[in-house]
């Protein structure tokens, strides 16, 4: 198979396009002929070496890529709920081979069928995994209840984009998104089902007297602390990323017990392998949101040979769309 491998930790220039043996599925796994592989900020962090000491994450040389779409090419022992040639998309966390390749091996439990959905695979790979992540985070961790209000930081980012549609499906009464600056918020058109998109540069002023029961924070830094001021009593903040790049920021814990607030870390790549039985319900909720147009995001397709450029665009935030690679 053709694959884009990370030869060492470092800048995007560490990618090398090469040929590797086709992987073979083991028990409970499927092999997929990849049509599209999603590129995410987490891919860039892993490539940079930010998590190089984290157990269970790859070491160079490795094939990155956590989510793919394509068709089933082979079934591992014990897999009976898929057929060869069936169109599928994977949830976050493909496997040791990674998704930046023409073939990927994944656990069947982390795979969802696209058959009969009419969902384009490029859209599926950029929306279904994030919407499934949102479902797990909101339902299993934050325990979102019907009628509650939700605030989503980095509203138009890849991961954040999965949350408003799923929050609607789970019964949220309001969903507000934030972007970095007022110039980005003014007149911001989005297909995502937000009630409003506001600037986070002066969050308290932007949201007024609104208070939120659940906050989704993939941004981190000072915004994390400032958000405590706009949370309702018994509010829960989901910590799902650190796009700010501020790894030194800390939160004063007395602000939590004083405000009856909770912060809950969530990383789907570690959660799903420990709870594989939740993969299918999460995928079903995600497909429902995507099929209803609640998770539409612009996509940009690049060839696998341009993996380095895909990472440069993703890191700089200048892509204007979710990037997917195609072999």
Protein backbone atom coordinates (compact mmCIF):
# COMPACT_ATOMS: atom_id res chain seq x y z
CA UNK A 1 0.00 0.00 0.00
CA UNK A 2 0.99 3.64 -0.39
CA UNK A 3 1.38 5.55 2.87
CA UNK A 4 2.54 8.92 4.16
CA UNK A 5 4.74 8.18 7.16
CA UNK A 6 6.13 10.44 9.87
CA UNK A 7 9.86 9.69 9.87
CA UNK A 8 10.63 11.57 13.09
CA UNK A 9 8.99 14.08 15.44
CA UNK A 10 9.18 17.60 14.08
CA UNK A 11 7.72 20.06 11.57
CA UNK A 12 5.54 19.03 8.61
CA UNK A 13 8.64 18.33 6.55
CA UNK A 14 9.11 15.00 8.34
CA UNK A 15 6.56 13.29 6.04
CA UNK A 16 7.72 10.73 3.49
CA UNK A 17 5.55 8.99 0.90
CA UNK A 18 6.44 5.31 0.71
CA UNK A 19 5.20 1.80 -0.09
CA UNK A 20 4.39 -0.58 2.77
CA UNK A 21 2.95 -4.11 2.86
CA UNK A 22 -0.84 -4.26 2.86
CA UNK A 23 -2.04 -4.77 6.45
CA UNK A 24 -4.21 -7.82 7.21
CA UNK A 25 -7.15 -7.63 9.64
CA UNK A 26 -6.96 -9.66 12.83
CA UNK A 27 -9.89 -11.04 14.84
CA UNK A 28 -12.63 -8.44 15.25
CA UNK A 29 -11.05 -6.14 12.67
CA UNK A 30 -11.75 -5.03 9.11
CA UNK A 31 -9.43 -3.83 6.35
CA UNK A 32 -10.60 -0.77 4.42
CA UNK A 33 -9.62 0.50 0.98
CA UNK A 34 -9.27 4.14 2.01
CA UNK A 35 -10.93 6.79 -0.13
CA UNK A 36 -10.51 9.67 2.33
CA UNK A 37 -8.49 10.22 5.52
CA UNK A 38 -9.26 13.17 7.81
CA UNK A 39 -6.52 15.55 8.93
CA UNK A 40 -6.93 16.97 12.43
CA UNK A 41 -5.02 19.19 14.80
CA UNK A 42 -4.41 16.18 17.05
CA UNK A 43 -2.49 14.59 14.14
CA UNK A 44 -0.23 17.63 14.10
CA UNK A 45 0.32 17.55 17.86
CA UNK A 46 1.31 13.89 17.76
CA UNK A 47 3.67 14.57 14.82
CA UNK A 48 5.25 17.49 16.67
CA UNK A 49 6.05 15.20 19.60
CA UNK A 50 3.76 16.97 22.07
CA UNK A 51 2.56 13.56 23.30
CA UNK A 52 5.76 11.61 22.66
CA UNK A 53 5.85 10.30 26.22
CA UNK A 54 2.16 9.33 26.28
CA UNK A 55 1.76 5.58 26.52
CA UNK A 56 -0.18 4.05 23.65
CA UNK A 57 0.56 6.77 21.10
CA UNK A 58 2.77 6.06 18.07
CA UNK A 59 6.50 6.56 17.81
CA UNK A 60 8.27 7.30 14.49
CA UNK A 61 8.29 5.91 11.95
CA UNK A 62 4.50 5.62 11.89
CA UNK A 63 1.48 6.24 9.67
CA UNK A 64 -0.75 8.94 11.21
CA UNK A 65 -4.48 9.39 10.74
CA UNK A 66 -7.29 8.65 13.19
CA UNK A 67 -10.32 8.55 10.88
CA UNK A 68 -10.94 7.18 7.40
CA UNK A 69 -13.74 6.51 4.95
CA UNK A 70 -13.70 3.89 2.23
CA UNK A 71 -14.98 0.40 1.44
CA UNK A 72 -14.43 -2.90 3.22
CA UNK A 73 -11.77 -5.01 1.49
CA UNK A 74 -11.36 -7.86 4.01
CA UNK A 75 -12.98 -9.14 7.20
CA UNK A 76 -11.14 -10.44 10.23
CA UNK A 77 -12.18 -13.55 12.11
CA UNK A 78 -15.50 -13.18 13.88
CA UNK A 79 -16.72 -10.13 11.96
CA UNK A 80 -20.20 -10.80 10.62
CA UNK A 81 -21.93 -7.40 10.51
CA UNK A 82 -20.07 -6.04 7.47
CA UNK A 83 -19.55 -7.28 3.93
CA UNK A 84 -16.73 -6.82 1.45
CA UNK A 85 -17.39 -3.76 -0.68
CA UNK A 86 -19.56 -2.03 1.93
CA UNK A 87 -18.95 1.74 2.28
CA UNK A 88 -17.92 2.69 5.80
CA UNK A 89 -16.46 5.42 7.99
CA UNK A 90 -14.43 4.90 11.14
CA UNK A 91 -14.73 6.58 14.49
CA UNK A 92 -11.70 8.26 16.07
CA UNK A 93 -8.71 5.98 16.51
CA UNK A 94 -8.04 3.73 13.54
CA UNK A 95 -5.24 1.45 14.61
CA UNK A 96 -1.48 1.01 14.65
CA UNK A 97 -1.27 1.34 10.85
CA UNK A 98 -2.94 4.79 10.74
CA UNK A 99 -5.20 6.25 8.08
CA UNK A 100 -2.85 8.23 5.81
CA UNK A 101 -2.61 5.25 3.50
CA UNK A 102 -4.42 3.41 0.75
CA UNK A 103 -5.37 0.61 3.17
CA UNK A 104 -6.24 0.82 6.87
CA UNK A 105 -7.06 -1.86 9.44
CA UNK A 106 -9.54 -0.90 12.18
CA UNK A 107 -11.64 -2.54 14.85
CA UNK A 108 -15.07 -3.44 13.51
CA UNK A 109 -16.61 -1.94 16.66
CA UNK A 110 -15.14 1.45 15.65
CA UNK A 111 -16.63 1.28 12.15
CA UNK A 112 -20.00 2.50 10.88
CA UNK A 113 -21.71 1.62 7.63
CA UNK A 114 -22.56 4.40 5.15
CA UNK A 115 -24.68 2.10 3.03
CA UNK A 116 -28.01 3.69 2.17
CA UNK A 117 -27.22 6.99 3.93
CA UNK A 118 -26.37 9.00 0.83
CA UNK A 119 -23.60 10.73 2.79
CA UNK A 120 -20.55 11.62 0.70
CA UNK A 121 -17.46 9.87 2.12
CA UNK A 122 -15.43 13.11 2.22
CA UNK A 123 -18.17 14.72 4.33
CA UNK A 124 -18.60 11.56 6.39
CA UNK A 125 -14.95 11.37 7.46
CA UNK A 126 -14.93 15.03 8.54
CA UNK A 127 -18.26 14.94 10.40
CA UNK A 128 -19.23 11.48 11.66
CA UNK A 129 -16.21 10.90 13.96
CA UNK A 130 -16.53 14.37 15.49
CA UNK A 131 -20.29 14.02 15.94
CA UNK A 132 -19.78 10.60 17.53
CA UNK A 133 -17.21 12.16 19.87
CA UNK A 134 -19.71 14.88 20.71
CA UNK A 135 -22.39 12.30 21.48
CA UNK A 136 -20.14 10.40 23.87
CA UNK A 137 -18.86 13.55 25.56
CA UNK A 138 -22.28 15.12 25.98
CA UNK A 139 -24.27 12.01 26.90
CA UNK A 140 -21.78 9.90 28.84
CA UNK A 141 -19.53 12.50 30.47
CA UNK A 142 -21.35 15.85 30.71
CA UNK A 143 -24.76 14.13 31.02
CA UNK A 144 -26.51 16.86 29.03
CA UNK A 145 -30.20 17.05 29.94
CA UNK A 146 -33.08 18.26 27.74
CA UNK A 147 -33.60 21.99 28.13
CA UNK A 148 -30.01 22.78 29.15
CA UNK A 149 -27.91 25.47 27.48
CA UNK A 150 -24.61 24.71 25.74
CA UNK A 151 -21.61 26.93 24.93
CA UNK A 152 -19.05 25.71 22.36
CA UNK A 153 -15.66 27.41 22.03
CA UNK A 154 -13.80 27.38 18.73
CA UNK A 155 -17.25 26.97 17.23
CA UNK A 156 -16.23 26.39 13.62
CA UNK A 157 -13.26 24.12 14.29
CA UNK A 158 -13.18 20.49 13.27
CA UNK A 159 -13.95 18.87 16.63
CA UNK A 160 -16.24 21.64 17.87
CA UNK A 161 -18.37 21.40 14.72
CA UNK A 162 -19.73 18.04 15.86
CA UNK A 163 -21.24 19.40 19.07
CA UNK A 164 -24.12 21.77 18.13
CA UNK A 165 -26.02 19.23 16.04
CA UNK A 166 -25.68 16.46 18.61
CA UNK A 167 -26.62 18.88 21.39
CA UNK A 168 -29.83 19.61 19.45
CA UNK A 169 -30.58 15.91 19.08
CA UNK A 170 -30.09 15.48 22.84
CA UNK A 171 -32.56 18.27 23.58
CA UNK A 172 -30.44 21.35 24.30
CA UNK A 173 -32.60 24.48 24.47
CA UNK A 174 -29.85 26.77 23.19
CA UNK A 175 -26.41 26.36 21.63
CA UNK A 176 -24.05 29.32 21.38
CA UNK A 177 -20.63 29.19 19.72
CA UNK A 178 -17.57 31.38 20.14
CA UNK A 179 -14.79 32.40 17.78
CA UNK A 180 -11.62 34.27 18.63
CA UNK A 181 -12.36 37.83 17.50
CA UNK A 182 -15.40 39.99 16.82
CA UNK A 183 -14.26 40.39 13.21
CA UNK A 184 -14.75 36.65 12.79
CA UNK A 185 -18.10 36.63 14.61
CA UNK A 186 -19.74 39.50 12.73
CA UNK A 187 -21.88 38.17 9.91
CA UNK A 188 -20.44 34.70 10.37
CA UNK A 189 -22.50 32.39 8.19
CA UNK A 190 -22.50 28.77 9.22
CA UNK A 191 -24.54 25.73 8.33
CA UNK A 192 -24.07 24.52 11.90
CA UNK A 193 -27.15 24.89 14.16
CA UNK A 194 -25.92 27.60 16.53
CA UNK A 195 -28.35 30.16 17.92
CA UNK A 196 -25.51 32.68 17.80
CA UNK A 197 -21.76 32.86 17.24
CA UNK A 198 -20.01 35.47 19.38
CA UNK A 199 -16.45 36.63 20.00
CA UNK A 200 -14.59 35.10 22.92
CA UNK A 201 -12.19 38.06 23.29
CA UNK A 202 -14.62 39.61 25.80
CA UNK A 203 -16.75 36.61 26.63
CA UNK A 204 -18.75 37.98 29.57
CA UNK A 205 -19.84 41.02 27.56
CA UNK A 206 -20.57 38.93 24.45
CA UNK A 207 -22.99 36.55 26.19
CA UNK A 208 -24.55 39.11 28.54
CA UNK A 209 -26.69 37.53 31.23
CA UNK A 210 -26.77 34.10 29.55
CA UNK A 211 -25.48 31.24 31.68
CA UNK A 212 -24.56 27.80 30.36
CA UNK A 213 -25.03 24.35 31.84
CA UNK A 214 -22.48 22.65 29.59
CA UNK A 215 -19.38 24.21 28.03
CA UNK A 216 -17.30 22.49 25.34
CA UNK A 217 -13.71 23.77 25.40
CA UNK A 218 -11.22 22.61 22.76
CA UNK A 219 -9.31 25.93 23.08
CA UNK A 220 -7.89 26.15 26.61
CA UNK A 221 -5.62 28.90 27.93
CA UNK A 222 -7.07 32.00 29.59
CA UNK A 223 -10.44 31.42 27.94
CA UNK A 224 -10.87 28.34 30.14
CA UNK A 225 -10.73 30.43 33.31
CA UNK A 226 -12.80 33.31 31.89
CA UNK A 227 -15.55 30.86 30.96
CA UNK A 228 -16.19 30.00 34.60
CA UNK A 229 -17.91 33.38 34.94
CA UNK A 230 -20.64 32.46 32.44
CA UNK A 231 -21.45 28.98 33.71
CA UNK A 232 -24.67 28.15 35.55
CA UNK A 233 -24.54 26.52 39.01
CA UNK A 234 -23.81 22.80 38.61
CA UNK A 235 -22.38 23.59 35.18
CA UNK A 236 -19.97 21.14 33.53
CA UNK A 237 -17.05 22.09 31.30
CA UNK A 238 -15.77 19.47 28.87
CA UNK A 239 -12.02 19.82 28.27
CA UNK A 240 -11.53 18.30 24.82
CA UNK A 241 -8.44 20.01 23.45
CA UNK A 242 -5.90 22.84 23.73
CA UNK A 243 -5.91 24.65 20.40
CA UNK A 244 -4.55 27.78 22.09
CA UNK A 245 -1.22 26.01 22.53
CA UNK A 246 -1.03 27.36 26.10
CA UNK A 247 0.14 24.27 27.98
CA UNK A 248 1.10 26.20 31.12
CA UNK A 249 -2.27 27.72 32.03
CA UNK A 250 -3.88 26.47 35.25
CA UNK A 251 -7.29 26.99 36.83
CA UNK A 252 -7.78 27.99 40.46
CA UNK A 253 -9.71 25.06 41.89
CA UNK A 254 -11.44 27.15 44.55
CA UNK A 255 -13.40 28.75 41.70
CA UNK A 256 -14.93 25.35 41.02
CA UNK A 257 -16.23 24.45 44.45
CA UNK A 258 -17.24 28.06 45.08
CA UNK A 259 -19.37 28.08 41.95
CA UNK A 260 -20.60 24.48 42.12
CA UNK A 261 -18.84 23.76 38.83
CA UNK A 262 -17.06 20.77 37.32
CA UNK A 263 -14.31 20.33 34.73
CA UNK A 264 -14.29 17.00 32.91
CA UNK A 265 -11.49 15.87 30.65
CA UNK A 266 -12.46 13.78 27.63
CA UNK A 267 -10.25 12.12 25.00
CA UNK A 268 -12.23 9.86 22.70
CA UNK A 269 -9.13 7.99 21.53
CA UNK A 270 -8.74 6.54 25.01
CA UNK A 271 -12.43 6.41 25.96
CA UNK A 272 -13.77 4.35 23.06
CA UNK A 273 -11.26 1.48 23.28
CA UNK A 274 -12.27 1.09 26.93
CA UNK A 275 -15.98 1.22 26.07
CA UNK A 276 -16.31 -0.38 22.60
CA UNK A 277 -19.98 -1.20 23.23
CA UNK A 278 -20.72 2.54 22.95
CA UNK A 279 -19.21 2.83 19.47
CA UNK A 280 -22.34 1.78 17.62
CA UNK A 281 -24.79 4.06 19.52
CA UNK A 282 -22.37 6.96 19.04
CA UNK A 283 -22.12 6.24 15.31
CA UNK A 284 -25.91 6.03 14.98
CA UNK A 285 -26.35 9.40 16.70
CA UNK A 286 -23.63 10.90 14.51
CA UNK A 287 -25.17 9.59 11.30
CA UNK A 288 -28.54 10.99 12.38
CA UNK A 289 -27.04 14.44 12.91
CA UNK A 290 -25.14 14.38 9.61
CA UNK A 291 -28.11 13.07 7.60
CA UNK A 292 -30.24 15.91 9.00
CA UNK A 293 -27.66 18.48 7.90
CA UNK A 294 -26.76 19.39 11.49
CA UNK A 295 -23.02 18.84 11.09
CA UNK A 296 -22.21 20.13 7.61
CA UNK A 297 -18.72 21.60 7.28
CA UNK A 298 -16.73 22.68 4.21
CA UNK A 299 -14.11 20.16 3.11
CA UNK A 300 -10.95 20.45 1.05
CA UNK A 301 -9.44 17.38 -0.58
CA UNK A 302 -5.69 17.03 -1.11
CA UNK A 303 -3.69 14.08 -2.46
CA UNK A 304 -1.86 11.86 0.04
CA UNK A 305 1.45 13.17 -1.32
CA UNK A 306 0.50 16.59 0.09
CA UNK A 307 0.26 15.40 3.71
CA UNK A 308 2.90 17.94 4.77
CA UNK A 309 0.96 20.81 3.20
CA UNK A 310 -2.23 19.53 4.82
CA UNK A 311 -0.53 19.74 8.21
CA UNK A 312 0.84 23.23 7.52
CA UNK A 313 -2.64 24.48 6.64
CA UNK A 314 -4.21 22.79 9.64
CA UNK A 315 -1.65 24.18 12.07
CA UNK A 316 -1.94 27.71 10.68
CA UNK A 317 -5.74 27.67 10.66
CA UNK A 318 -5.76 29.04 7.11
CA UNK A 319 -7.37 26.12 5.31
CA UNK A 320 -10.89 27.52 5.53
CA UNK A 321 -12.20 23.95 5.55
CA UNK A 322 -11.58 20.52 7.04
CA UNK A 323 -8.82 18.86 5.04
CA UNK A 324 -9.01 15.27 3.87
CA UNK A 325 -6.36 13.27 2.07
CA UNK A 326 -7.11 10.86 -0.74
CA UNK A 327 -4.67 8.14 -1.92
